[in-house]
Amino acid sequence: MKTLMMAVAATLLWGASPALVGAGSSGAAAAQSGQQQQPPPPNQQKPAPTMTGTWAFEVHHSAGTSTPTVTITQTGEKLSGKYVGTYGESVLTGSIKDNKFSFSVDVGTEQKVTLAYTGTLDGDTVKGNVTMGEMGEGTFSGKRK
């Protein structure tokens, strides 16, 4: 019983393996002297965020809500791809620095309107603002498909 209590206490306090503590007082001494297993070192560098992929956007603006699909390829800090929405398919160009991005698309058939998106990337989600020329401004969020 005493060994079990020591194992639980050592595990909770020092992260020691119960096998070390179960070895009796020498195991407890080993755990206390720092000979327990150390967790692997944390990864020093996080992988750079990437916009590459297909995204489902939800855009809120003065005319309501739209749900375009955005396919992006990131090469370095350059963004390219396509934007498929209410007015068809459009070419997308933009850039990203760290987790902040911007891109624009020209939509419409007879009268073109430039949609300019600026936002932040957080893993598989994005959010930010969009300007729509004379049509005003809005907000957007998106999830990677």
N, C-alpha and C. Protein backbone atom coordinates (compact mmCIF):
# COMPACT_ATOMS: atom_id res chain seq x y z
N MET A 1 0.83 -1.19 0.00
CA MET A 1 0.00 0.00 0.00
C MET A 1 0.87 1.25 0.00
N LYS A 2 1.93 1.24 0.83
CA LYS A 2 2.84 2.38 0.90
C LYS A 2 3.51 2.61 -0.45
N THR A 3 3.90 1.54 -1.13
CA THR A 3 4.53 1.65 -2.44
C THR A 3 3.56 2.25 -3.44
N LEU A 4 2.30 1.84 -3.41
CA LEU A 4 1.30 2.37 -4.32
C LEU A 4 1.10 3.86 -4.09
N MET A 5 1.02 4.29 -2.84
CA MET A 5 0.85 5.70 -2.53
C MET A 5 2.05 6.51 -3.00
N MET A 6 3.25 5.93 -2.83
CA MET A 6 4.45 6.62 -3.30
C MET A 6 4.44 6.75 -4.81
N ALA A 7 3.97 5.72 -5.50
CA ALA A 7 3.92 5.74 -6.95
C ALA A 7 2.96 6.82 -7.43
N VAL A 8 1.80 6.91 -6.81
CA VAL A 8 0.82 7.92 -7.20
C VAL A 8 1.37 9.31 -6.91
N ALA A 9 1.93 9.51 -5.74
CA ALA A 9 2.47 10.82 -5.38
C ALA A 9 3.60 11.22 -6.31
N ALA A 10 4.50 10.30 -6.62
CA ALA A 10 5.63 10.61 -7.50
C ALA A 10 5.15 10.93 -8.90
N THR A 11 4.16 10.20 -9.37
CA THR A 11 3.62 10.45 -10.70
C THR A 11 2.99 11.83 -10.76
N LEU A 12 2.23 12.20 -9.74
CA LEU A 12 1.56 13.49 -9.75
C LEU A 12 2.55 14.64 -9.55
N LEU A 13 3.50 14.47 -8.67
CA LEU A 13 4.41 15.56 -8.34
C LEU A 13 5.54 15.72 -9.33
N TRP A 14 6.15 14.63 -9.74
CA TRP A 14 7.35 14.73 -10.56
C TRP A 14 7.20 14.09 -11.94
N GLY A 15 6.09 13.47 -12.20
CA GLY A 15 5.92 12.78 -13.47
C GLY A 15 6.73 11.51 -13.54
N ALA A 16 7.14 10.99 -12.37
CA ALA A 16 7.97 9.79 -12.35
C ALA A 16 7.16 8.59 -12.77
N SER A 17 7.84 7.69 -13.40
CA SER A 17 7.22 6.44 -13.80
C SER A 17 6.95 5.61 -12.55
N PRO A 18 5.73 5.03 -12.41
CA PRO A 18 5.45 4.17 -11.27
C PRO A 18 6.44 3.02 -11.16
N ALA A 19 7.06 2.60 -12.29
CA ALA A 19 8.04 1.51 -12.25
C ALA A 19 9.26 1.93 -11.43
N LEU A 20 9.65 3.21 -11.54
CA LEU A 20 10.78 3.70 -10.75
C LEU A 20 10.46 3.67 -9.27
N VAL A 21 9.25 4.12 -8.95
CA VAL A 21 8.86 4.20 -7.54
C VAL A 21 8.61 2.81 -6.98
N GLY A 22 8.09 1.93 -7.82
CA GLY A 22 7.77 0.58 -7.37
C GLY A 22 9.01 -0.20 -6.99
N ALA A 23 10.18 0.31 -7.32
CA ALA A 23 11.42 -0.40 -7.01
C ALA A 23 11.80 -0.22 -5.54
N GLY A 24 10.94 0.42 -4.76
CA GLY A 24 11.24 0.61 -3.34
C GLY A 24 11.88 1.96 -3.10
N SER A 25 12.59 2.09 -2.00
CA SER A 25 13.15 3.40 -1.64
C SER A 25 14.20 3.85 -2.64
N SER A 26 14.91 2.92 -3.27
CA SER A 26 15.90 3.33 -4.26
C SER A 26 15.20 3.94 -5.48
N GLY A 27 14.02 3.43 -5.82
CA GLY A 27 13.25 4.00 -6.92
C GLY A 27 12.77 5.39 -6.58
N ALA A 28 12.30 5.58 -5.35
CA ALA A 28 11.85 6.91 -4.93
C ALA A 28 13.02 7.87 -4.92
N ALA A 29 14.18 7.40 -4.47
CA ALA A 29 15.36 8.25 -4.46
C ALA A 29 15.76 8.62 -5.89
N ALA A 30 15.64 7.65 -6.80
CA ALA A 30 15.97 7.93 -8.19
C ALA A 30 15.01 8.98 -8.76
N ALA A 31 13.73 8.84 -8.42
CA ALA A 31 12.75 9.80 -8.91
C ALA A 31 13.04 11.18 -8.34
N GLN A 32 13.39 11.26 -7.07
CA GLN A 32 13.66 12.55 -6.45
C GLN A 32 14.98 13.13 -6.93
N SER A 33 15.94 12.32 -7.31
CA SER A 33 17.25 12.84 -7.72
C SER A 33 17.27 13.25 -9.18
N GLY A 34 16.12 13.21 -9.85
CA GLY A 34 16.06 13.68 -11.23
C GLY A 34 16.37 12.62 -12.25
N GLN A 35 16.37 11.37 -11.87
CA GLN A 35 16.68 10.31 -12.83
C GLN A 35 15.43 9.78 -13.51
N GLN A 36 14.29 10.44 -13.31
CA GLN A 36 13.09 9.98 -13.98
C GLN A 36 13.15 10.35 -15.46
N GLN A 37 12.26 9.78 -16.21
CA GLN A 37 12.22 10.05 -17.64
C GLN A 37 11.77 11.49 -17.86
N GLN A 38 12.48 12.18 -18.72
CA GLN A 38 12.13 13.55 -19.07
C GLN A 38 11.24 13.52 -20.30
N PRO A 39 10.25 14.42 -20.37
CA PRO A 39 9.43 14.49 -21.59
C PRO A 39 10.30 14.96 -22.75
N PRO A 40 9.92 14.62 -23.95
CA PRO A 40 10.71 15.07 -25.10
C PRO A 40 10.70 16.59 -25.16
N PRO A 41 11.78 17.21 -25.64
CA PRO A 41 11.83 18.67 -25.69
C PRO A 41 10.76 19.18 -26.66
N PRO A 42 10.16 20.33 -26.34
CA PRO A 42 9.16 20.87 -27.26
C PRO A 42 9.82 21.26 -28.57
N ASN A 43 9.04 21.18 -29.62
CA ASN A 43 9.53 21.55 -30.94
C ASN A 43 9.88 23.04 -30.92
N GLN A 44 11.10 23.37 -31.23
CA GLN A 44 11.57 24.74 -31.12
C GLN A 44 10.93 25.66 -32.17
N GLN A 45 10.69 25.16 -33.36
CA GLN A 45 10.09 25.99 -34.40
C GLN A 45 8.78 25.39 -34.85
N LYS A 46 7.75 26.23 -34.83
CA LYS A 46 6.46 25.79 -35.36
C LYS A 46 6.53 25.86 -36.88
N PRO A 47 5.83 24.95 -37.55
CA PRO A 47 5.79 25.08 -39.00
C PRO A 47 5.07 26.38 -39.38
N ALA A 48 5.52 27.00 -40.45
CA ALA A 48 4.90 28.25 -40.90
C ALA A 48 3.45 27.99 -41.27
N PRO A 49 2.56 28.93 -40.96
CA PRO A 49 1.16 28.75 -41.34
C PRO A 49 1.03 28.75 -42.86
N THR A 50 0.09 28.01 -43.35
CA THR A 50 -0.11 27.97 -44.80
C THR A 50 -1.59 28.15 -45.14
N MET A 51 -1.83 28.89 -46.21
CA MET A 51 -3.19 29.10 -46.70
C MET A 51 -3.56 28.07 -47.75
N THR A 52 -2.60 27.26 -48.18
CA THR A 52 -2.86 26.30 -49.25
C THR A 52 -4.02 25.38 -48.85
N GLY A 53 -5.00 25.29 -49.74
CA GLY A 53 -6.14 24.42 -49.50
C GLY A 53 -7.42 25.03 -50.04
N THR A 54 -8.52 24.34 -49.79
CA THR A 54 -9.84 24.81 -50.19
C THR A 54 -10.58 25.25 -48.94
N TRP A 55 -11.17 26.43 -49.01
CA TRP A 55 -11.80 27.07 -47.87
C TRP A 55 -13.28 27.33 -48.13
N ALA A 56 -14.10 27.11 -47.11
CA ALA A 56 -15.51 27.48 -47.15
C ALA A 56 -15.63 28.79 -46.38
N PHE A 57 -15.94 29.88 -47.09
CA PHE A 57 -16.08 31.19 -46.47
C PHE A 57 -17.54 31.50 -46.18
N GLU A 58 -17.76 32.30 -45.18
CA GLU A 58 -19.07 32.89 -44.90
C GLU A 58 -18.84 34.39 -44.79
N VAL A 59 -19.44 35.13 -45.71
CA VAL A 59 -19.21 36.57 -45.81
C VAL A 59 -20.50 37.30 -45.46
N HIS A 60 -20.42 38.21 -44.48
CA HIS A 60 -21.57 39.01 -44.06
C HIS A 60 -21.38 40.44 -44.58
N HIS A 61 -22.38 40.93 -45.33
CA HIS A 61 -22.30 42.26 -45.93
C HIS A 61 -23.68 42.87 -45.99
N SER A 62 -23.78 44.10 -46.51
CA SER A 62 -25.05 44.83 -46.51
C SER A 62 -26.16 44.12 -47.28
N ALA A 63 -25.80 43.31 -48.28
CA ALA A 63 -26.80 42.59 -49.07
C ALA A 63 -27.17 41.23 -48.47
N GLY A 64 -26.58 40.87 -47.33
CA GLY A 64 -26.89 39.59 -46.69
C GLY A 64 -25.64 38.78 -46.41
N THR A 65 -25.74 37.48 -46.67
CA THR A 65 -24.63 36.56 -46.43
C THR A 65 -24.34 35.78 -47.70
N SER A 66 -23.07 35.62 -48.02
CA SER A 66 -22.70 34.78 -49.15
C SER A 66 -21.70 33.73 -48.67
N THR A 67 -21.62 32.65 -49.44
CA THR A 67 -20.78 31.51 -49.03
C THR A 67 -19.89 31.05 -50.18
N PRO A 68 -18.91 31.85 -50.55
CA PRO A 68 -18.01 31.44 -51.63
C PRO A 68 -17.07 30.31 -51.20
N THR A 69 -16.58 29.59 -52.18
CA THR A 69 -15.53 28.59 -51.97
C THR A 69 -14.24 29.18 -52.54
N VAL A 70 -13.20 29.15 -51.74
CA VAL A 70 -11.94 29.78 -52.12
C VAL A 70 -10.85 28.70 -52.11
N THR A 71 -10.17 28.55 -53.24
CA THR A 71 -9.08 27.59 -53.36
C THR A 71 -7.79 28.37 -53.52
N ILE A 72 -6.85 28.15 -52.59
CA ILE A 72 -5.64 28.95 -52.54
C ILE A 72 -4.40 28.06 -52.61
N THR A 73 -3.40 28.53 -53.35
CA THR A 73 -2.08 27.93 -53.35
C THR A 73 -1.12 28.98 -52.82
N GLN A 74 -0.35 28.61 -51.81
CA GLN A 74 0.63 29.52 -51.24
C GLN A 74 2.02 29.09 -51.67
N THR A 75 2.77 30.02 -52.25
CA THR A 75 4.17 29.81 -52.62
C THR A 75 4.97 30.91 -51.95
N GLY A 76 5.68 30.55 -50.88
CA GLY A 76 6.36 31.58 -50.10
C GLY A 76 5.33 32.50 -49.48
N GLU A 77 5.43 33.79 -49.81
CA GLU A 77 4.46 34.77 -49.29
C GLU A 77 3.40 35.12 -50.33
N LYS A 78 3.42 34.45 -51.48
CA LYS A 78 2.48 34.75 -52.56
C LYS A 78 1.27 33.82 -52.51
N LEU A 79 0.09 34.39 -52.70
CA LEU A 79 -1.15 33.61 -52.77
C LEU A 79 -1.73 33.71 -54.17
N SER A 80 -2.22 32.57 -54.67
CA SER A 80 -2.91 32.55 -55.95
C SER A 80 -4.02 31.51 -55.85
N GLY A 81 -4.98 31.59 -56.75
CA GLY A 81 -6.03 30.59 -56.71
C GLY A 81 -7.29 31.05 -57.40
N LYS A 82 -8.41 30.45 -56.95
CA LYS A 82 -9.70 30.81 -57.54
C LYS A 82 -10.74 31.02 -56.45
N TYR A 83 -11.71 31.84 -56.81
CA TYR A 83 -12.79 32.25 -55.92
C TYR A 83 -14.08 31.92 -56.66
N VAL A 84 -14.90 31.06 -56.09
CA VAL A 84 -16.16 30.67 -56.73
C VAL A 84 -17.30 31.13 -55.84
N GLY A 85 -18.09 32.07 -56.38
CA GLY A 85 -19.19 32.63 -55.60
C GLY A 85 -20.41 32.85 -56.47
N THR A 86 -21.29 33.73 -56.02
CA THR A 86 -22.56 34.02 -56.69
C THR A 86 -22.36 34.44 -58.14
N TYR A 87 -21.28 35.17 -58.42
CA TYR A 87 -21.06 35.68 -59.77
C TYR A 87 -20.11 34.83 -60.58
N GLY A 88 -19.94 33.59 -60.21
CA GLY A 88 -19.09 32.69 -60.97
C GLY A 88 -17.70 32.55 -60.38
N GLU A 89 -16.77 32.16 -61.24
CA GLU A 89 -15.39 31.89 -60.82
C GLU A 89 -14.49 33.05 -61.19
N SER A 90 -13.61 33.42 -60.26
CA SER A 90 -12.68 34.52 -60.49
C SER A 90 -11.28 34.13 -60.04
N VAL A 91 -10.29 34.80 -60.62
CA VAL A 91 -8.89 34.58 -60.25
C VAL A 91 -8.60 35.35 -58.97
N LEU A 92 -7.84 34.74 -58.09
CA LEU A 92 -7.47 35.33 -56.80
C LEU A 92 -5.97 35.56 -56.77
N THR A 93 -5.54 36.73 -56.28
CA THR A 93 -4.12 37.00 -56.07
C THR A 93 -3.96 37.71 -54.73
N GLY A 94 -2.85 37.44 -54.06
CA GLY A 94 -2.64 38.08 -52.77
C GLY A 94 -1.31 37.72 -52.17
N SER A 95 -1.20 37.98 -50.84
CA SER A 95 0.03 37.70 -50.13
C SER A 95 -0.26 37.38 -48.67
N ILE A 96 0.72 36.77 -48.01
CA ILE A 96 0.63 36.44 -46.60
C ILE A 96 1.98 36.72 -45.96
N LYS A 97 1.95 37.26 -44.76
CA LYS A 97 3.17 37.50 -43.97
C LYS A 97 2.82 37.03 -42.56
N ASP A 98 3.60 36.06 -42.06
CA ASP A 98 3.28 35.41 -40.78
C ASP A 98 1.87 34.84 -40.89
N ASN A 99 0.92 35.30 -40.07
CA ASN A 99 -0.44 34.77 -40.18
C ASN A 99 -1.42 35.82 -40.71
N LYS A 100 -0.92 36.95 -41.23
CA LYS A 100 -1.77 38.00 -41.77
C LYS A 100 -1.75 37.93 -43.29
N PHE A 101 -2.93 37.95 -43.89
CA PHE A 101 -3.01 37.80 -45.34
C PHE A 101 -3.94 38.85 -45.95
N SER A 102 -3.80 39.00 -47.25
CA SER A 102 -4.74 39.81 -48.04
C SER A 102 -4.79 39.22 -49.44
N PHE A 103 -5.96 39.29 -50.03
CA PHE A 103 -6.10 38.89 -51.42
C PHE A 103 -7.27 39.64 -52.03
N SER A 104 -7.30 39.69 -53.35
CA SER A 104 -8.39 40.36 -54.04
C SER A 104 -8.86 39.52 -55.21
N VAL A 105 -10.11 39.75 -55.56
CA VAL A 105 -10.72 39.09 -56.71
C VAL A 105 -11.63 40.11 -57.40
N ASP A 106 -11.73 40.02 -58.72
CA ASP A 106 -12.67 40.85 -59.47
C ASP A 106 -13.85 39.96 -59.83
N VAL A 107 -15.05 40.34 -59.36
CA VAL A 107 -16.25 39.54 -59.62
C VAL A 107 -17.24 40.34 -60.45
N GLY A 108 -18.16 39.63 -61.06
CA GLY A 108 -19.20 40.26 -61.87
C GLY A 108 -18.98 39.98 -63.33
N THR A 109 -20.02 40.23 -64.11
CA THR A 109 -19.93 39.97 -65.54
C THR A 109 -19.80 41.29 -66.31
N GLU A 110 -20.82 42.14 -66.25
CA GLU A 110 -20.76 43.40 -66.99
C GLU A 110 -20.04 44.48 -66.20
N GLN A 111 -20.39 44.62 -64.94
CA GLN A 111 -19.71 45.58 -64.08
C GLN A 111 -18.87 44.81 -63.08
N LYS A 112 -17.57 44.95 -63.20
CA LYS A 112 -16.65 44.26 -62.28
C LYS A 112 -16.57 45.02 -60.96
N VAL A 113 -16.55 44.24 -59.87
CA VAL A 113 -16.35 44.80 -58.53
C VAL A 113 -15.16 44.06 -57.94
N THR A 114 -14.22 44.82 -57.37
CA THR A 114 -13.06 44.21 -56.73
C THR A 114 -13.39 43.96 -55.27
N LEU A 115 -13.27 42.70 -54.87
CA LEU A 115 -13.43 42.32 -53.46
C LEU A 115 -12.03 42.21 -52.88
N ALA A 116 -11.76 42.96 -51.81
CA ALA A 116 -10.44 42.94 -51.18
C ALA A 116 -10.58 42.39 -49.77
N TYR A 117 -9.98 41.23 -49.55
CA TYR A 117 -10.04 40.55 -48.25
C TYR A 117 -8.74 40.80 -47.48
N THR A 118 -8.86 41.09 -46.19
CA THR A 118 -7.71 41.14 -45.28
C THR A 118 -8.09 40.37 -44.03
N GLY A 119 -7.18 39.53 -43.55
CA GLY A 119 -7.53 38.75 -42.39
C GLY A 119 -6.35 38.06 -41.74
N THR A 120 -6.70 37.17 -40.81
CA THR A 120 -5.69 36.40 -40.09
C THR A 120 -5.99 34.91 -40.23
N LEU A 121 -4.92 34.15 -40.29
CA LEU A 121 -4.97 32.69 -40.39
C LEU A 121 -4.66 32.11 -39.02
N ASP A 122 -5.51 31.19 -38.56
CA ASP A 122 -5.29 30.50 -37.29
C ASP A 122 -5.55 29.02 -37.51
N GLY A 123 -4.52 28.29 -37.93
CA GLY A 123 -4.69 26.86 -38.20
C GLY A 123 -5.57 26.63 -39.40
N ASP A 124 -6.74 26.04 -39.16
CA ASP A 124 -7.68 25.74 -40.24
C ASP A 124 -8.85 26.72 -40.28
N THR A 125 -8.68 27.90 -39.69
CA THR A 125 -9.72 28.92 -39.73
C THR A 125 -9.10 30.27 -40.11
N VAL A 126 -9.94 31.10 -40.73
CA VAL A 126 -9.56 32.46 -41.09
C VAL A 126 -10.70 33.39 -40.70
N LYS A 127 -10.37 34.67 -40.50
CA LYS A 127 -11.40 35.68 -40.27
C LYS A 127 -10.82 37.04 -40.60
N GLY A 128 -11.72 37.99 -40.89
CA GLY A 128 -11.24 39.32 -41.21
C GLY A 128 -12.31 40.19 -41.81
N ASN A 129 -11.87 41.15 -42.64
CA ASN A 129 -12.76 42.14 -43.26
C ASN A 129 -12.65 42.06 -44.77
N VAL A 130 -13.72 42.50 -45.42
CA VAL A 130 -13.73 42.55 -46.88
C VAL A 130 -14.31 43.89 -47.30
N THR A 131 -13.67 44.52 -48.30
CA THR A 131 -14.24 45.71 -48.91
C THR A 131 -14.72 45.32 -50.30
N MET A 132 -15.88 45.88 -50.66
CA MET A 132 -16.54 45.48 -51.91
C MET A 132 -16.82 46.68 -52.79
N GLY A 133 -15.82 47.53 -52.97
CA GLY A 133 -15.99 48.70 -53.82
C GLY A 133 -17.15 49.56 -53.34
N GLU A 134 -18.00 49.97 -54.27
CA GLU A 134 -19.15 50.81 -53.95
C GLU A 134 -20.22 50.07 -53.15
N MET A 135 -20.09 48.76 -53.06
CA MET A 135 -21.08 47.95 -52.34
C MET A 135 -20.83 47.96 -50.83
N GLY A 136 -19.75 48.60 -50.38
CA GLY A 136 -19.51 48.72 -48.94
C GLY A 136 -18.50 47.73 -48.41
N GLU A 137 -18.65 47.44 -47.13
CA GLU A 137 -17.71 46.56 -46.43
C GLU A 137 -18.46 45.44 -45.72
N GLY A 138 -17.69 44.45 -45.28
CA GLY A 138 -18.29 43.34 -44.54
C GLY A 138 -17.22 42.61 -43.75
N THR A 139 -17.64 41.52 -43.16
CA THR A 139 -16.73 40.66 -42.41
C THR A 139 -16.83 39.25 -42.96
N PHE A 140 -15.81 38.45 -42.70
CA PHE A 140 -15.85 37.07 -43.16
C PHE A 140 -15.17 36.16 -42.15
N SER A 141 -15.55 34.89 -42.24
CA SER A 141 -14.84 33.82 -41.53
C SER A 141 -14.80 32.64 -42.48
N GLY A 142 -13.88 31.73 -42.23
CA GLY A 142 -13.78 30.59 -43.12
C GLY A 142 -13.10 29.42 -42.44
N LYS A 143 -13.41 28.24 -42.97
CA LYS A 143 -12.80 27.00 -42.47
C LYS A 143 -12.24 26.22 -43.64
N ARG A 144 -11.08 25.61 -43.39
CA ARG A 144 -10.47 24.75 -44.40
C ARG A 144 -11.34 23.52 -44.57
N LYS A 145 -11.59 23.13 -45.81
CA LYS A 145 -12.40 21.93 -46.10
C LYS A 145 -11.55 20.69 -45.98
